[in-house]
């Protein structure tokens, strides 16, 4: 099985895609730009296998607003 550099996003806004590209090497926390702010996700410590690929699972943590 090959590890893919994408995250499975769980929780947070329902209009975000559930899979999101992540940097190499994977971070403990990622932030996803969305509507004048960021959705923050933390690595859950687990991975999912999808179509023969291993994908890191990130859980929604909180939202921050962009400064204007």
N, C-alpha and C. Protein backbone atom coordinates (compact mmCIF):
# COMPACT_ATOMS: atom_id res chain seq x y z
N UNK A 1 0.83 -1.19 0.00
CA UNK A 1 0.00 0.00 0.00
C UNK A 1 0.88 1.25 0.00
N UNK A 2 0.44 2.24 -0.70
CA UNK A 2 1.19 3.48 -0.84
C UNK A 2 0.50 4.58 -0.05
N UNK A 3 1.30 5.36 0.72
CA UNK A 3 0.72 6.50 1.44
C UNK A 3 0.54 7.64 0.45
N UNK A 4 -0.62 8.24 0.48
CA UNK A 4 -0.92 9.36 -0.41
C UNK A 4 -0.90 10.64 0.40
N UNK A 5 -0.46 11.70 -0.20
CA UNK A 5 -0.35 12.97 0.50
C UNK A 5 -1.64 13.76 0.37
N UNK A 6 -2.67 13.15 0.92
CA UNK A 6 -3.98 13.78 1.04
C UNK A 6 -4.50 13.47 2.43
N UNK A 7 -5.39 14.31 2.89
CA UNK A 7 -6.00 14.10 4.20
C UNK A 7 -7.48 13.80 4.01
N UNK A 8 -8.00 12.97 4.86
CA UNK A 8 -9.44 12.75 4.97
C UNK A 8 -9.90 13.70 6.07
N UNK A 9 -10.72 14.70 5.71
CA UNK A 9 -11.19 15.69 6.67
C UNK A 9 -12.51 15.23 7.27
N UNK A 10 -12.56 15.19 8.59
CA UNK A 10 -13.78 14.79 9.29
C UNK A 10 -14.24 15.92 10.19
N UNK A 11 -15.53 16.17 10.19
CA UNK A 11 -16.10 17.26 10.96
C UNK A 11 -15.97 18.58 10.22
N UNK A 12 -16.39 19.64 10.85
CA UNK A 12 -16.32 20.96 10.23
C UNK A 12 -17.45 21.20 9.25
N UNK A 13 -17.30 22.23 8.40
CA UNK A 13 -18.36 22.61 7.47
C UNK A 13 -18.70 21.50 6.48
N UNK A 14 -19.98 21.33 6.22
CA UNK A 14 -20.42 20.26 5.32
C UNK A 14 -20.12 20.54 3.86
N UNK A 15 -19.81 21.80 3.51
CA UNK A 15 -19.56 22.11 2.10
C UNK A 15 -18.09 21.96 1.70
N UNK A 16 -17.22 21.52 2.61
CA UNK A 16 -15.82 21.27 2.25
C UNK A 16 -15.69 19.85 1.71
N UNK A 17 -14.80 19.68 0.74
CA UNK A 17 -14.54 18.32 0.25
C UNK A 17 -13.94 17.50 1.39
N UNK A 18 -14.20 16.22 1.40
CA UNK A 18 -13.69 15.38 2.48
C UNK A 18 -12.22 15.04 2.30
N UNK A 19 -11.70 15.16 1.08
CA UNK A 19 -10.27 14.90 0.86
C UNK A 19 -9.59 16.20 0.46
N UNK A 20 -8.41 16.40 1.03
CA UNK A 20 -7.69 17.65 0.83
C UNK A 20 -6.20 17.34 0.69
N UNK A 21 -5.48 17.95 -0.28
CA UNK A 21 -4.04 17.71 -0.39
C UNK A 21 -3.31 18.27 0.84
N UNK A 22 -2.26 17.58 1.27
CA UNK A 22 -1.45 18.04 2.40
C UNK A 22 0.01 18.04 1.99
N UNK A 23 0.83 18.85 2.67
CA UNK A 23 2.25 18.92 2.32
C UNK A 23 3.00 17.66 2.72
N UNK A 24 4.14 17.48 2.12
CA UNK A 24 5.03 16.37 2.48
C UNK A 24 6.15 16.95 3.32
N UNK A 25 6.50 16.48 4.45
CA UNK A 25 5.82 15.43 5.19
C UNK A 25 4.54 15.97 5.83
N UNK A 26 3.61 15.09 6.15
CA UNK A 26 2.35 15.55 6.75
C UNK A 26 2.57 16.32 8.06
N UNK A 27 1.76 17.32 8.28
CA UNK A 27 1.81 18.15 9.48
C UNK A 27 0.86 17.60 10.54
N UNK A 28 1.04 18.04 11.78
CA UNK A 28 0.10 17.67 12.85
C UNK A 28 -1.19 18.45 12.73
N UNK A 29 -1.11 19.66 12.16
CA UNK A 29 -2.30 20.49 11.97
C UNK A 29 -2.25 21.09 10.58
N UNK A 30 -3.40 21.17 9.93
CA UNK A 30 -3.50 21.83 8.64
C UNK A 30 -4.61 22.87 8.72
N UNK A 31 -4.52 23.89 7.86
CA UNK A 31 -5.60 24.87 7.79
C UNK A 31 -6.04 24.99 6.35
N UNK A 32 -7.34 25.05 6.18
CA UNK A 32 -7.96 25.07 4.86
C UNK A 32 -8.64 26.42 4.69
N UNK A 33 -8.23 27.21 3.66
CA UNK A 33 -8.89 28.50 3.43
C UNK A 33 -10.36 28.30 3.08
N UNK A 34 -11.20 29.12 3.69
CA UNK A 34 -12.64 29.03 3.41
C UNK A 34 -13.33 30.32 3.85
N UNK A 35 -14.03 30.97 2.92
CA UNK A 35 -14.88 32.13 3.21
C UNK A 35 -14.28 33.13 4.19
N UNK A 36 -13.25 33.81 3.78
CA UNK A 36 -12.65 34.88 4.59
C UNK A 36 -12.09 34.37 5.92
N UNK A 37 -11.63 33.14 5.93
CA UNK A 37 -11.04 32.59 7.14
C UNK A 37 -10.39 31.25 6.88
N UNK A 38 -10.15 30.50 7.92
CA UNK A 38 -9.52 29.18 7.81
C UNK A 38 -10.22 28.19 8.72
N UNK A 39 -10.37 26.97 8.22
CA UNK A 39 -10.83 25.85 9.02
C UNK A 39 -9.58 25.09 9.44
N UNK A 40 -9.44 24.81 10.72
CA UNK A 40 -8.25 24.14 11.25
C UNK A 40 -8.59 22.68 11.57
N UNK A 41 -7.71 21.80 11.16
CA UNK A 41 -7.87 20.36 11.38
C UNK A 41 -6.60 19.82 12.02
N UNK A 42 -6.75 18.88 12.95
CA UNK A 42 -5.63 18.25 13.64
C UNK A 42 -5.57 16.77 13.27
N UNK A 43 -4.34 16.26 13.14
CA UNK A 43 -4.15 14.85 12.81
C UNK A 43 -4.73 13.99 13.93
N UNK A 44 -5.56 13.04 13.58
CA UNK A 44 -6.26 12.21 14.56
C UNK A 44 -5.40 11.05 15.06
N UNK A 45 -4.26 10.82 14.40
CA UNK A 45 -3.41 9.69 14.77
C UNK A 45 -3.79 8.42 14.03
N UNK A 46 -4.77 8.52 13.14
CA UNK A 46 -5.18 7.32 12.41
C UNK A 46 -5.11 7.54 10.90
N UNK A 47 -5.19 6.42 10.20
CA UNK A 47 -5.16 6.42 8.73
C UNK A 47 -6.31 5.57 8.22
N UNK A 48 -6.76 5.86 6.99
CA UNK A 48 -7.79 5.06 6.34
C UNK A 48 -7.21 4.49 5.06
N UNK A 49 -7.62 3.31 4.71
CA UNK A 49 -7.24 2.75 3.42
C UNK A 49 -8.38 2.99 2.45
N UNK A 50 -8.06 3.61 1.33
CA UNK A 50 -9.06 3.88 0.30
C UNK A 50 -8.46 3.53 -1.05
N UNK A 51 -9.03 2.59 -1.72
CA UNK A 51 -8.58 2.15 -3.05
C UNK A 51 -7.09 1.80 -3.05
N UNK A 52 -6.63 1.10 -2.02
CA UNK A 52 -5.23 0.69 -1.95
C UNK A 52 -4.27 1.77 -1.51
N UNK A 53 -4.77 2.93 -1.13
CA UNK A 53 -3.93 4.03 -0.66
C UNK A 53 -4.22 4.29 0.82
N UNK A 54 -3.18 4.68 1.55
CA UNK A 54 -3.33 4.98 2.98
C UNK A 54 -3.37 6.50 3.12
N UNK A 55 -4.44 7.00 3.73
CA UNK A 55 -4.68 8.44 3.82
C UNK A 55 -4.81 8.84 5.28
N UNK A 56 -4.09 9.90 5.68
CA UNK A 56 -4.15 10.41 7.05
C UNK A 56 -5.52 11.02 7.33
N UNK A 57 -6.04 10.79 8.53
CA UNK A 57 -7.34 11.33 8.93
C UNK A 57 -7.12 12.53 9.84
N UNK A 58 -7.77 13.66 9.50
CA UNK A 58 -7.69 14.88 10.28
C UNK A 58 -9.08 15.24 10.76
N UNK A 59 -9.17 15.67 12.01
CA UNK A 59 -10.44 16.02 12.64
C UNK A 59 -10.53 17.54 12.78
N UNK A 60 -11.70 18.11 12.46
CA UNK A 60 -11.89 19.56 12.59
C UNK A 60 -11.67 20.00 14.02
N UNK A 61 -10.96 21.15 14.19
CA UNK A 61 -10.66 21.67 15.52
C UNK A 61 -11.36 22.99 15.80
N UNK A 62 -11.16 23.97 14.91
CA UNK A 62 -11.73 25.29 15.12
C UNK A 62 -11.62 26.11 13.84
N UNK A 63 -12.21 27.32 13.84
CA UNK A 63 -12.18 28.24 12.71
C UNK A 63 -11.58 29.56 13.14
N UNK A 64 -10.81 30.19 12.26
CA UNK A 64 -10.31 31.54 12.50
C UNK A 64 -10.72 32.43 11.34
N UNK A 65 -10.89 33.71 11.62
CA UNK A 65 -11.23 34.71 10.61
C UNK A 65 -9.94 35.37 10.11
N UNK A 66 -9.92 35.74 8.84
CA UNK A 66 -8.80 36.49 8.28
C UNK A 66 -8.88 37.93 8.74
N UNK A 67 -7.74 38.53 9.00
CA UNK A 67 -7.72 39.95 9.38
C UNK A 67 -7.94 40.79 8.12
N UNK A 68 -8.69 41.86 8.25
CA UNK A 68 -8.96 42.72 7.09
C UNK A 68 -8.11 43.95 7.14
